Amino acid sequence: MSTITRIECGKRMSEAVIHDGTIYLAGQVGTPGDGVTDQTRTILANIDRLLAAAGSDKTRILSAQIWLAEIADFAAMNAVWDTWVPAGNCPARATGESRLAAPGYRVEIIVVAAQA
């Protein structure tokens, strides 16, 4: 039976779960009330931190799901994403508009990555 490792496991959820060399991150959000640019920067820093804790990095991301509270923020979010994502190692990605968990959230990003 394969081992399941949970990172930053709380009462309701873990920030990351590792199973069979695959890392599943919970949806990452920024500081409520910040603009989409700052929230995206915070989220991507959290993704970097969690992937490092799981023994990986952003070059190993397999897929990303990005949810925006307003699709009008697509260009602003992409401006940050495009400077962060490693050239030649872009994941499969989908972006959509959705009501997020709290009104102050502008963006949420979920990634799945491979361990190094």
PDB file of N, CA and C in Angstrom:
ATOM      1  N   MET A   1       0.843  -1.174   0.000  1.00  0.00           N
ATOM      2  CA  MET A   1       0.000   0.000   0.000  1.00  0.00           C
ATOM      3  C   MET A   1       0.889   1.238   0.000  1.00  0.00           C
ATOM      4  N   SER A   2       0.545   2.203  -0.805  1.00  0.00           N
ATOM      5  CA  SER A   2       1.321   3.436  -0.924  1.00  0.00           C
ATOM      6  C   SER A   2       1.113   4.341   0.281  1.00  0.00           C
ATOM      7  N   THR A   3       2.176   5.044   0.618  1.00  0.00           N
ATOM      8  CA  THR A   3       2.115   6.006   1.709  1.00  0.00           C
ATOM      9  C   THR A   3       1.455   7.288   1.225  1.00  0.00           C
ATOM     10  N   ILE A   4       0.678   7.897   2.100  1.00  0.00           N
ATOM     11  CA  ILE A   4       0.091   9.210   1.852  1.00  0.00           C
ATOM     12  C   ILE A   4       0.708  10.158   2.866  1.00  0.00           C
ATOM     13  N   THR A   5       1.301  11.243   2.372  1.00  0.00           N
ATOM     14  CA  THR A   5       1.909  12.247   3.234  1.00  0.00           C
ATOM     15  C   THR A   5       1.090  13.523   3.146  1.00  0.00           C
ATOM     16  N   ARG A   6       0.748  14.081   4.293  1.00  0.00           N
ATOM     17  CA  ARG A   6      -0.033  15.318   4.343  1.00  0.00           C
ATOM     18  C   ARG A   6       0.833  16.437   4.897  1.00  0.00           C
ATOM     19  N   ILE A   7       0.829  17.570   4.231  1.00  0.00           N
ATOM     20  CA  ILE A   7       1.618  18.739   4.637  1.00  0.00           C
ATOM     21  C   ILE A   7       0.668  19.815   5.136  1.00  0.00           C
ATOM     22  N   GLU A   8       0.992  20.353   6.305  1.00  0.00           N
ATOM     23  CA  GLU A   8       0.168  21.386   6.942  1.00  0.00           C
ATOM     24  C   GLU A   8      -1.296  20.935   7.037  1.00  0.00           C
ATOM     25  N   CYS A   9      -1.468  19.793   7.673  1.00  0.00           N
ATOM     26  CA  CYS A   9      -2.789  19.202   7.842  1.00  0.00           C
ATOM     27  C   CYS A   9      -3.530  19.904   8.967  1.00  0.00           C
ATOM     28  N   GLY A  10      -4.653  20.484   8.658  1.00  0.00           N
ATOM     29  CA  GLY A  10      -5.483  21.157   9.657  1.00  0.00           C
ATOM     30  C   GLY A  10      -6.722  20.342   9.956  1.00  0.00           C
ATOM     31  N   LYS A  11      -7.640  20.949  10.658  1.00  0.00           N
ATOM     32  CA  LYS A  11      -8.890  20.281  11.031  1.00  0.00           C
ATOM     33  C   LYS A  11      -9.743  19.944   9.801  1.00  0.00           C
ATOM     34  N   ARG A  12      -9.737  20.836   8.809  1.00  0.00           N
ATOM     35  CA  ARG A  12     -10.602  20.672   7.648  1.00  0.00           C
ATOM     36  C   ARG A  12      -9.883  20.142   6.412  1.00  0.00           C
ATOM     37  N   MET A  13      -8.620  20.524   6.247  1.00  0.00           N
ATOM     38  CA  MET A  13      -7.920  20.167   5.016  1.00  0.00           C
ATOM     39  C   MET A  13      -6.414  20.242   5.207  1.00  0.00           C
ATOM     40  N   SER A  14      -5.699  19.637   4.277  1.00  0.00           N
ATOM     41  CA  SER A  14      -4.244  19.748   4.211  1.00  0.00           C
ATOM     42  C   SER A  14      -3.907  20.738   3.101  1.00  0.00           C
ATOM     43  N   GLU A  15      -2.800  21.439   3.256  1.00  0.00           N
ATOM     44  CA  GLU A  15      -2.365  22.356   2.201  1.00  0.00           C
ATOM     45  C   GLU A  15      -1.788  21.589   1.017  1.00  0.00           C
ATOM     46  N   ALA A  16      -1.237  20.399   1.288  1.00  0.00           N
ATOM     47  CA  ALA A  16      -0.714  19.545   0.218  1.00  0.00           C
ATOM     48  C   ALA A  16      -0.805  18.091   0.661  1.00  0.00           C
ATOM     49  N   VAL A  17      -0.994  17.224  -0.314  1.00  0.00           N
ATOM     50  CA  VAL A  17      -1.014  15.777  -0.072  1.00  0.00           C
ATOM     51  C   VAL A  17      -0.157  15.136  -1.148  1.00  0.00           C
ATOM     52  N   ILE A  18       0.688  14.184  -0.722  1.00  0.00           N
ATOM     53  CA  ILE A  18       1.566  13.476  -1.650  1.00  0.00           C
ATOM     54  C   ILE A  18       1.165  12.009  -1.666  1.00  0.00           C
ATOM     55  N   HIS A  19       1.000  11.463  -2.869  1.00  0.00           N
ATOM     56  CA  HIS A  19       0.681  10.048  -3.032  1.00  0.00           C
ATOM     57  C   HIS A  19       1.322   9.558  -4.326  1.00  0.00           C
ATOM     58  N   ASP A  20       2.074   8.485  -4.238  1.00  0.00           N
ATOM     59  CA  ASP A  20       2.722   7.877  -5.407  1.00  0.00           C
ATOM     60  C   ASP A  20       3.495   8.896  -6.252  1.00  0.00           C
ATOM     61  N   GLY A  21       4.201   9.816  -5.607  1.00  0.00           N
ATOM     62  CA  GLY A  21       5.030  10.772  -6.328  1.00  0.00           C
ATOM     63  C   GLY A  21       4.294  11.945  -6.932  1.00  0.00           C
ATOM     64  N   THR A  22       3.002  12.046  -6.662  1.00  0.00           N
ATOM     65  CA  THR A  22       2.215  13.171  -7.156  1.00  0.00           C
ATOM     66  C   THR A  22       1.817  14.050  -5.981  1.00  0.00           C
ATOM     67  N   ILE A  23       1.956  15.356  -6.162  1.00  0.00           N
ATOM     68  CA  ILE A  23       1.647  16.339  -5.118  1.00  0.00           C
ATOM     69  C   ILE A  23       0.376  17.075  -5.517  1.00  0.00           C
ATOM     70  N   TYR A  24      -0.592  17.063  -4.625  1.00  0.00           N
ATOM     71  CA  TYR A  24      -1.863  17.748  -4.841  1.00  0.00           C
ATOM     72  C   TYR A  24      -1.933  18.918  -3.862  1.00  0.00           C
ATOM     73  N   LEU A  25      -1.972  20.127  -4.376  1.00  0.00           N
ATOM     74  CA  LEU A  25      -2.087  21.293  -3.502  1.00  0.00           C
ATOM     75  C   LEU A  25      -3.548  21.702  -3.365  1.00  0.00           C
ATOM     76  N   ALA A  26      -3.902  22.140  -2.164  1.00  0.00           N
ATOM     77  CA  ALA A  26      -5.214  22.744  -1.949  1.00  0.00           C
ATOM     78  C   ALA A  26      -5.250  24.062  -2.707  1.00  0.00           C
ATOM     79  N   GLY A  27      -6.430  24.584  -2.927  1.00  0.00           N
ATOM     80  CA  GLY A  27      -6.552  25.885  -3.558  1.00  0.00           C
ATOM     81  C   GLY A  27      -5.843  26.936  -2.714  1.00  0.00           C
ATOM     82  N   GLN A  28      -4.962  27.698  -3.346  1.00  0.00           N
ATOM     83  CA  GLN A  28      -4.204  28.733  -2.659  1.00  0.00           C
ATOM     84  C   GLN A  28      -4.828  30.091  -2.949  1.00  0.00           C
ATOM     85  N   VAL A  29      -4.959  30.887  -1.905  1.00  0.00           N
ATOM     86  CA  VAL A  29      -5.535  32.226  -2.034  1.00  0.00           C
ATOM     87  C   VAL A  29      -4.591  33.237  -1.396  1.00  0.00           C
ATOM     88  N   GLY A  30      -4.776  34.491  -1.754  1.00  0.00           N
ATOM     89  CA  GLY A  30      -3.969  35.565  -1.188  1.00  0.00           C
ATOM     90  C   GLY A  30      -4.677  36.216  -0.013  1.00  0.00           C
ATOM     91  N   THR A  31      -4.279  37.421   0.284  1.00  0.00           N
ATOM     92  CA  THR A  31      -4.863  38.180   1.388  1.00  0.00           C
ATOM     93  C   THR A  31      -6.155  38.831   0.920  1.00  0.00           C
ATOM     94  N   PRO A  32      -7.284  38.538   1.589  1.00  0.00           N
ATOM     95  CA  PRO A  32      -8.556  39.137   1.177  1.00  0.00           C
ATOM     96  C   PRO A  32      -8.440  40.659   1.186  1.00  0.00           C
ATOM     97  N   GLY A  33      -8.981  41.270   0.145  1.00  0.00           N
ATOM     98  CA  GLY A  33      -8.957  42.722   0.043  1.00  0.00           C
ATOM     99  C   GLY A  33      -7.812  43.247  -0.804  1.00  0.00           C
ATOM    100  N   ASP A  34      -6.718  42.471  -0.946  1.00  0.00           N
ATOM    101  CA  ASP A  34      -5.641  42.876  -1.849  1.00  0.00           C
ATOM    102  C   ASP A  34      -6.138  42.778  -3.282  1.00  0.00           C
ATOM    103  N   GLY A  35      -5.498  43.493  -4.184  1.00  0.00           N
ATOM    104  CA  GLY A  35      -5.834  43.406  -5.594  1.00  0.00           C
ATOM    105  C   GLY A  35      -5.394  42.081  -6.184  1.00  0.00           C
ATOM    106  N   VAL A  36      -5.847  41.793  -7.388  1.00  0.00           N
ATOM    107  CA  VAL A  36      -5.552  40.513  -8.025  1.00  0.00           C
ATOM    108  C   VAL A  36      -4.046  40.336  -8.249  1.00  0.00           C
ATOM    109  N   THR A  37      -3.322  41.403  -8.539  1.00  0.00           N
ATOM    110  CA  THR A  37      -1.875  41.293  -8.747  1.00  0.00           C
ATOM    111  C   THR A  37      -1.178  40.838  -7.480  1.00  0.00           C
ATOM    112  N   ASP A  38      -1.462  41.498  -6.358  1.00  0.00           N
ATOM    113  CA  ASP A  38      -0.830  41.119  -5.091  1.00  0.00           C
ATOM    114  C   ASP A  38      -1.282  39.738  -4.628  1.00  0.00           C
ATOM    115  N   GLN A  39      -2.566  39.425  -4.805  1.00  0.00           N
ATOM    116  CA  GLN A  39      -3.026  38.090  -4.414  1.00  0.00           C
ATOM    117  C   GLN A  39      -2.334  37.016  -5.244  1.00  0.00           C
ATOM    118  N   THR A  40      -2.168  37.255  -6.534  1.00  0.00           N
ATOM    119  CA  THR A  40      -1.504  36.271  -7.381  1.00  0.00           C
ATOM    120  C   THR A  40      -0.054  36.079  -6.941  1.00  0.00           C
ATOM    121  N   ARG A  41       0.645  37.158  -6.641  1.00  0.00           N
ATOM    122  CA  ARG A  41       2.035  37.050  -6.161  1.00  0.00           C
ATOM    123  C   ARG A  41       2.104  36.224  -4.871  1.00  0.00           C
ATOM    124  N   THR A  42       1.195  36.498  -3.941  1.00  0.00           N
ATOM    125  CA  THR A  42       1.163  35.761  -2.670  1.00  0.00           C
ATOM    126  C   THR A  42       0.896  34.285  -2.917  1.00  0.00           C
ATOM    127  N   ILE A  43      -0.059  33.991  -3.770  1.00  0.00           N
ATOM    128  CA  ILE A  43      -0.407  32.604  -4.083  1.00  0.00           C
ATOM    129  C   ILE A  43       0.782  31.865  -4.686  1.00  0.00           C
ATOM    130  N   LEU A  44       1.445  32.471  -5.636  1.00  0.00           N
ATOM    131  CA  LEU A  44       2.567  31.805  -6.301  1.00  0.00           C
ATOM    132  C   LEU A  44       3.731  31.584  -5.333  1.00  0.00           C
ATOM    133  N   ALA A  45       3.940  32.507  -4.409  1.00  0.00           N
ATOM    134  CA  ALA A  45       4.962  32.305  -3.366  1.00  0.00           C
ATOM    135  C   ALA A  45       4.572  31.137  -2.471  1.00  0.00           C
ATOM    136  N   ASN A  46       3.287  31.018  -2.144  1.00  0.00           N
ATOM    137  CA  ASN A  46       2.816  29.883  -1.336  1.00  0.00           C
ATOM    138  C   ASN A  46       2.986  28.572  -2.092  1.00  0.00           C
ATOM    139  N   ILE A  47       2.713  28.583  -3.376  1.00  0.00           N
ATOM    140  CA  ILE A  47       2.901  27.374  -4.183  1.00  0.00           C
ATOM    141  C   ILE A  47       4.374  26.974  -4.183  1.00  0.00           C
ATOM    142  N   ASP A  48       5.269  27.942  -4.370  1.00  0.00           N
ATOM    143  CA  ASP A  48       6.706  27.645  -4.321  1.00  0.00           C
ATOM    144  C   ASP A  48       7.086  27.011  -2.980  1.00  0.00           C
ATOM    145  N   ARG A  49       6.590  27.586  -1.892  1.00  0.00           N
ATOM    146  CA  ARG A  49       6.904  27.105  -0.543  1.00  0.00           C
ATOM    147  C   ARG A  49       6.381  25.686  -0.328  1.00  0.00           C
ATOM    148  N   LEU A  50       5.139  25.436  -0.694  1.00  0.00           N
ATOM    149  CA  LEU A  50       4.552  24.112  -0.495  1.00  0.00           C
ATOM    150  C   LEU A  50       5.213  23.052  -1.369  1.00  0.00           C
ATOM    151  N   LEU A  51       5.525  23.408  -2.599  1.00  0.00           N
ATOM    152  CA  LEU A  51       6.212  22.441  -3.464  1.00  0.00           C
ATOM    153  C   LEU A  51       7.591  22.103  -2.915  1.00  0.00           C
ATOM    154  N   ALA A  52       8.298  23.099  -2.396  1.00  0.00           N
ATOM    155  CA  ALA A  52       9.610  22.832  -1.789  1.00  0.00           C
ATOM    156  C   ALA A  52       9.462  21.894  -0.593  1.00  0.00           C
ATOM    157  N   ALA A  53       8.441  22.107   0.227  1.00  0.00           N
ATOM    158  CA  ALA A  53       8.197  21.239   1.387  1.00  0.00           C
ATOM    159  C   ALA A  53       7.876  19.815   0.954  1.00  0.00           C
ATOM    160  N   ALA A  54       7.327  19.667  -0.247  1.00  0.00           N
ATOM    161  CA  ALA A  54       6.962  18.350  -0.772  1.00  0.00           C
ATOM    162  C   ALA A  54       8.080  17.732  -1.614  1.00  0.00           C
ATOM    163  N   GLY A  55       9.210  18.417  -1.733  1.00  0.00           N
ATOM    164  CA  GLY A  55      10.322  17.882  -2.503  1.00  0.00           C
ATOM    165  C   GLY A  55      10.206  18.120  -3.990  1.00  0.00           C
ATOM    166  N   SER A  56       9.677  19.282  -4.366  1.00  0.00           N
ATOM    167  CA  SER A  56       9.494  19.578  -5.782  1.00  0.00           C
ATOM    168  C   SER A  56       9.672  21.078  -6.011  1.00  0.00           C
ATOM    169  N   ASP A  57       9.337  21.514  -7.215  1.00  0.00           N
ATOM    170  CA  ASP A  57       9.366  22.940  -7.542  1.00  0.00           C
ATOM    171  C   ASP A  57       8.444  23.199  -8.729  1.00  0.00           C
ATOM    172  N   LYS A  58       8.345  24.457  -9.130  1.00  0.00           N
ATOM    173  CA  LYS A  58       7.382  24.834 -10.162  1.00  0.00           C
ATOM    174  C   LYS A  58       7.680  24.239 -11.536  1.00  0.00           C
ATOM    175  N   THR A  59       8.909  23.769 -11.771  1.00  0.00           N
ATOM    176  CA  THR A  59       9.203  23.120 -13.056  1.00  0.00           C
ATOM    177  C   THR A  59       8.536  21.760 -13.164  1.00  0.00           C
ATOM    178  N   ARG A  60       8.013  21.249 -12.051  1.00  0.00           N
ATOM    179  CA  ARG A  60       7.404  19.921 -12.003  1.00  0.00           C
ATOM    180  C   ARG A  60       5.876  19.979 -11.955  1.00  0.00           C
ATOM    181  N   ILE A  61       5.289  21.191 -12.097  1.00  0.00           N
ATOM    182  CA  ILE A  61       3.831  21.314 -12.073  1.00  0.00           C
ATOM    183  C   ILE A  61       3.250  20.662 -13.323  1.00  0.00           C
ATOM    184  N   LEU A  62       2.276  19.801 -13.113  1.00  0.00           N
ATOM    185  CA  LEU A  62       1.620  19.091 -14.208  1.00  0.00           C
ATOM    186  C   LEU A  62       0.401  19.848 -14.713  1.00  0.00           C
ATOM    187  N   SER A  63      -0.393  20.365 -13.779  1.00  0.00           N
ATOM    188  CA  SER A  63      -1.604  21.086 -14.167  1.00  0.00           C
ATOM    189  C   SER A  63      -1.910  22.185 -13.157  1.00  0.00           C
ATOM    190  N   ALA A  64      -2.610  23.195 -13.636  1.00  0.00           N
ATOM    191  CA  ALA A  64      -3.044  24.301 -12.786  1.00  0.00           C
ATOM    192  C   ALA A  64      -4.479  24.664 -13.149  1.00  0.00           C
ATOM    193  N   GLN A  65      -5.268  24.897 -12.120  1.00  0.00           N
ATOM    194  CA  GLN A  65      -6.623  25.426 -12.289  1.00  0.00           C
ATOM    195  C   GLN A  65      -6.637  26.792 -11.620  1.00  0.00           C
ATOM    196  N   ILE A  66      -7.057  27.798 -12.350  1.00  0.00           N
ATOM    197  CA  ILE A  66      -7.091  29.150 -11.819  1.00  0.00           C
ATOM    198  C   ILE A  66      -8.529  29.641 -11.854  1.00  0.00           C
ATOM    199  N   TRP A  67      -8.987  30.109 -10.699  1.00  0.00           N
ATOM    200  CA  TRP A  67     -10.335  30.639 -10.579  1.00  0.00           C
ATOM    201  C   TRP A  67     -10.250  32.120 -10.259  1.00  0.00           C
ATOM    202  N   LEU A  68     -10.928  32.930 -11.042  1.00  0.00           N
ATOM    203  CA  LEU A  68     -10.988  34.371 -10.835  1.00  0.00           C
ATOM    204  C   LEU A  68     -12.392  34.768 -10.408  1.00  0.00           C
ATOM    205  N   ALA A  69     -12.487  35.664  -9.443  1.00  0.00           N
ATOM    206  CA  ALA A  69     -13.801  36.168  -9.036  1.00  0.00           C
ATOM    207  C   ALA A  69     -14.440  36.943 -10.183  1.00  0.00           C
ATOM    208  N   GLU A  70     -13.588  37.590 -10.983  1.00  0.00           N
ATOM    209  CA  GLU A  70     -14.061  38.321 -12.164  1.00  0.00           C
ATOM    210  C   GLU A  70     -13.091  38.053 -13.306  1.00  0.00           C
ATOM    211  N   ILE A  71     -13.600  37.536 -14.410  1.00  0.00           N
ATOM    212  CA  ILE A  71     -12.743  37.206 -15.551  1.00  0.00           C
ATOM    213  C   ILE A  71     -12.064  38.454 -16.104  1.00  0.00           C
ATOM    214  N   ALA A  72     -12.563  39.619 -15.781  1.00  0.00           N
ATOM    215  CA  ALA A  72     -11.926  40.877 -16.194  1.00  0.00           C
ATOM    216  C   ALA A  72     -10.512  40.999 -15.621  1.00  0.00           C
ATOM    217  N   ASP A  73     -10.190  40.229 -14.566  1.00  0.00           N
ATOM    218  CA  ASP A  73      -8.855  40.244 -13.955  1.00  0.00           C
ATOM    219  C   ASP A  73      -7.873  39.302 -14.657  1.00  0.00           C
ATOM    220  N   PHE A  74      -8.307  38.675 -15.745  1.00  0.00           N
ATOM    221  CA  PHE A  74      -7.492  37.677 -16.451  1.00  0.00           C
ATOM    222  C   PHE A  74      -6.130  38.237 -16.858  1.00  0.00           C
ATOM    223  N   ALA A  75      -6.088  39.393 -17.470  1.00  0.00           N
ATOM    224  CA  ALA A  75      -4.822  39.968 -17.942  1.00  0.00           C
ATOM    225  C   ALA A  75      -3.899  40.312 -16.777  1.00  0.00           C
ATOM    226  N   ALA A  76      -4.437  40.878 -15.713  1.00  0.00           N
ATOM    227  CA  ALA A  76      -3.613  41.249 -14.550  1.00  0.00           C
ATOM    228  C   ALA A  76      -3.030  40.007 -13.881  1.00  0.00           C
ATOM    229  N   MET A  77      -3.824  38.958 -13.759  1.00  0.00           N
ATOM    230  CA  MET A  77      -3.329  37.711 -13.176  1.00  0.00           C
ATOM    231  C   MET A  77      -2.257  37.112 -14.084  1.00  0.00           C
ATOM    232  N   ASN A  78      -2.508  37.093 -15.391  1.00  0.00           N
ATOM    233  CA  ASN A  78      -1.547  36.524 -16.339  1.00  0.00           C
ATOM    234  C   ASN A  78      -0.228  37.292 -16.351  1.00  0.00           C
ATOM    235  N   ALA A  79      -0.263  38.599 -16.119  1.00  0.00           N
ATOM    236  CA  ALA A  79       0.971  39.389 -16.092  1.00  0.00           C
ATOM    237  C   ALA A  79       1.905  38.870 -14.993  1.00  0.00           C
ATOM    238  N   VAL A  80       1.345  38.470 -13.855  1.00  0.00           N
ATOM    239  CA  VAL A  80       2.153  37.917 -12.762  1.00  0.00           C
ATOM    240  C   VAL A  80       2.527  36.474 -13.078  1.00  0.00           C
ATOM    241  N   TRP A  81       1.563  35.691 -13.499  1.00  0.00           N
ATOM    242  CA  TRP A  81       1.800  34.276 -13.830  1.00  0.00           C
ATOM    243  C   TRP A  81       2.927  34.146 -14.858  1.00  0.00           C
ATOM    244  N   ASP A  82       2.873  34.960 -15.919  1.00  0.00           N
ATOM    245  CA  ASP A  82       3.826  34.829 -17.022  1.00  0.00           C
ATOM    246  C   ASP A  82       5.271  35.102 -16.598  1.00  0.00           C
ATOM    247  N   THR A  83       5.472  35.929 -15.579  1.00  0.00           N
ATOM    248  CA  THR A  83       6.840  36.173 -15.100  1.00  0.00           C
ATOM    249  C   THR A  83       7.300  35.076 -14.139  1.00  0.00           C
ATOM    250  N   TRP A  84       6.350  34.301 -13.605  1.00  0.00           N
ATOM    251  CA  TRP A  84       6.652  33.250 -12.625  1.00  0.00           C
ATOM    252  C   TRP A  84       6.840  31.884 -13.260  1.00  0.00           C
ATOM    253  N   VAL A  85       6.001  31.539 -14.220  1.00  0.00           N
ATOM    254  CA  VAL A  85       6.026  30.192 -14.794  1.00  0.00           C
ATOM    255  C   VAL A  85       7.332  30.000 -15.582  1.00  0.00           C
ATOM    256  N   PRO A  86       8.009  28.859 -15.378  1.00  0.00           N
ATOM    257  CA  PRO A  86       9.288  28.648 -16.047  1.00  0.00           C
ATOM    258  C   PRO A  86       9.123  28.327 -17.536  1.00  0.00           C
ATOM    259  N   ALA A  87       9.836  29.067 -18.369  1.00  0.00           N
ATOM    260  CA  ALA A  87       9.779  28.840 -19.818  1.00  0.00           C
ATOM    261  C   ALA A  87      10.143  27.393 -20.119  1.00  0.00           C
ATOM    262  N   GLY A  88       9.375  26.778 -20.985  1.00  0.00           N
ATOM    263  CA  GLY A  88       9.625  25.397 -21.361  1.00  0.00           C
ATOM    264  C   GLY A  88       9.075  24.374 -20.390  1.00  0.00           C
ATOM    265  N   ASN A  89       8.513  24.833 -19.267  1.00  0.00           N
ATOM    266  CA  ASN A  89       7.937  23.923 -18.264  1.00  0.00           C
ATOM    267  C   ASN A  89       6.533  24.365 -17.861  1.00  0.00           C
ATOM    268  N   CYS A  90       5.805  24.928 -18.809  1.00  0.00           N
ATOM    269  CA  CYS A  90       4.445  25.391 -18.511  1.00  0.00           C
ATOM    270  C   CYS A  90       3.521  24.187 -18.305  1.00  0.00           C
ATOM    271  N   PRO A  91       2.681  24.238 -17.270  1.00  0.00           N
ATOM    272  CA  PRO A  91       1.742  23.140 -17.040  1.00  0.00           C
ATOM    273  C   PRO A  91       0.518  23.245 -17.942  1.00  0.00           C
ATOM    274  N   ALA A  92      -0.238  22.168 -18.015  1.00  0.00           N
ATOM    275  CA  ALA A  92      -1.575  22.257 -18.588  1.00  0.00           C
ATOM    276  C   ALA A  92      -2.362  23.176 -17.655  1.00  0.00           C
ATOM    277  N   ARG A  93      -3.207  24.040 -18.197  1.00  0.00           N
ATOM    278  CA  ARG A  93      -3.851  25.040 -17.352  1.00  0.00           C
ATOM    279  C   ARG A  93      -5.255  25.361 -17.836  1.00  0.00           C
ATOM    280  N   ALA A  94      -6.123  25.624 -16.893  1.00  0.00           N
ATOM    281  CA  ALA A  94      -7.466  26.115 -17.196  1.00  0.00           C
ATOM    282  C   ALA A  94      -7.732  27.308 -16.294  1.00  0.00           C
ATOM    283  N   THR A  95      -8.460  28.290 -16.815  1.00  0.00           N
ATOM    284  CA  THR A  95      -8.826  29.472 -16.033  1.00  0.00           C
ATOM    285  C   THR A  95     -10.313  29.718 -16.234  1.00  0.00           C
ATOM    286  N   GLY A  96     -10.997  29.991 -15.134  1.00  0.00           N
ATOM    287  CA  GLY A  96     -12.418  30.274 -15.222  1.00  0.00           C
ATOM    288  C   GLY A  96     -12.831  31.310 -14.200  1.00  0.00           C
ATOM    289  N   GLU A  97     -14.051  31.724 -14.320  1.00  0.00           N
ATOM    290  CA  GLU A  97     -14.636  32.689 -13.387  1.00  0.00           C
ATOM    291  C   GLU A  97     -15.558  31.935 -12.433  1.00  0.00           C
ATOM    292  N   SER A  98     -15.437  32.272 -11.144  1.00  0.00           N
ATOM    293  CA  SER A  98     -16.252  31.600 -10.144  1.00  0.00           C
ATOM    294  C   SER A  98     -16.384  32.483  -8.909  1.00  0.00           C
ATOM    295  N   ARG A  99     -17.483  32.328  -8.209  1.00  0.00           N
ATOM    296  CA  ARG A  99     -17.581  32.974  -6.907  1.00  0.00           C
ATOM    297  C   ARG A  99     -16.667  32.213  -5.959  1.00  0.00           C
ATOM    298  N   LEU A 100     -15.760  32.926  -5.304  1.00  0.00           N
ATOM    299  CA  LEU A 100     -14.792  32.280  -4.420  1.00  0.00           C
ATOM    300  C   LEU A 100     -15.328  32.238  -2.996  1.00  0.00           C
ATOM    301  N   ALA A 101     -14.587  31.627  -2.088  1.00  0.00           N
ATOM    302  CA  ALA A 101     -15.056  31.327  -0.734  1.00  0.00           C
ATOM    303  C   ALA A 101     -15.412  32.549   0.098  1.00  0.00           C
ATOM    304  N   ALA A 102     -14.775  33.684  -0.164  1.00  0.00           N
ATOM    305  CA  ALA A 102     -15.066  34.912   0.576  1.00  0.00           C
ATOM    306  C   ALA A 102     -14.998  36.080  -0.410  1.00  0.00           C
ATOM    307  N   PRO A 103     -15.775  37.115  -0.169  1.00  0.00           N
ATOM    308  CA  PRO A 103     -15.846  38.232  -1.122  1.00  0.00           C
ATOM    309  C   PRO A 103     -14.508  38.930  -1.386  1.00  0.00           C
ATOM    310  N   GLY A 104     -13.571  38.912  -0.459  1.00  0.00           N
ATOM    311  CA  GLY A 104     -12.294  39.593  -0.638  1.00  0.00           C
ATOM    312  C   GLY A 104     -11.293  38.844  -1.496  1.00  0.00           C
ATOM    313  N   TYR A 105     -11.578  37.591  -1.804  1.00  0.00           N
ATOM    314  CA  TYR A 105     -10.665  36.825  -2.647  1.00  0.00           C
ATOM    315  C   TYR A 105     -10.918  37.154  -4.114  1.00  0.00           C
ATOM    316  N   ARG A 106      -9.824  37.391  -4.858  1.00  0.00           N
ATOM    317  CA  ARG A 106      -9.928  37.721  -6.285  1.00  0.00           C
ATOM    318  C   ARG A 106      -9.480  36.556  -7.164  1.00  0.00           C
ATOM    319  N   VAL A 107      -8.609  35.689  -6.614  1.00  0.00           N
ATOM    320  CA  VAL A 107      -8.041  34.590  -7.402  1.00  0.00           C
ATOM    321  C   VAL A 107      -7.721  33.417  -6.477  1.00  0.00           C
ATOM    322  N   GLU A 108      -7.886  32.212  -7.009  1.00  0.00           N
ATOM    323  CA  GLU A 108      -7.509  30.983  -6.314  1.00  0.00           C
ATOM    324  C   GLU A 108      -6.833  30.074  -7.333  1.00  0.00           C
ATOM    325  N   ILE A 109      -5.713  29.476  -6.928  1.00  0.00           N
ATOM    326  CA  ILE A 109      -4.971  28.604  -7.841  1.00  0.00           C
ATOM    327  C   ILE A 109      -4.753  27.242  -7.186  1.00  0.00           C
ATOM    328  N   ILE A 110      -5.031  26.200  -7.950  1.00  0.00           N
ATOM    329  CA  ILE A 110      -4.873  24.813  -7.522  1.00  0.00           C
ATOM    330  C   ILE A 110      -3.871  24.155  -8.471  1.00  0.00           C
ATOM    331  N   VAL A 111      -2.857  23.499  -7.925  1.00  0.00           N
ATOM    332  CA  VAL A 111      -1.892  22.815  -8.800  1.00  0.00           C
ATOM    333  C   VAL A 111      -1.690  21.369  -8.385  1.00  0.00           C
ATOM    334  N   VAL A 112      -1.304  20.586  -9.370  1.00  0.00           N
ATOM    335  CA  VAL A 112      -0.870  19.202  -9.173  1.00  0.00           C
ATOM    336  C   VAL A 112       0.529  19.128  -9.763  1.00  0.00           C
ATOM    337  N   ALA A 113       1.459  18.534  -9.004  1.00  0.00           N
ATOM    338  CA  ALA A 113       2.851  18.479  -9.452  1.00  0.00           C
ATOM    339  C   ALA A 113       3.439  17.100  -9.190  1.00  0.00           C
ATOM    340  N   ALA A 114       4.538  16.824  -9.847  1.00  0.00           N
ATOM    341  CA  ALA A 114       5.288  15.592  -9.630  1.00  0.00           C
ATOM    342  C   ALA A 114       6.428  15.877  -8.659  1.00  0.00           C
ATOM    343  N   GLN A 115       6.732  14.898  -7.832  1.00  0.00           N
ATOM    344  CA  GLN A 115       7.906  15.038  -6.970  1.00  0.00           C
ATOM    345  C   GLN A 115       9.157  14.947  -7.843  1.00  0.00           C
ATOM    346  N   ALA A 116      10.219  15.560  -7.340  1.00  0.00           N
ATOM    347  CA  ALA A 116      11.490  15.523  -8.076  1.00  0.00           C
ATOM    348  C   ALA A 116      12.124  14.154  -7.941  1.00  0.00           C
TER     349      ALA A 116
END
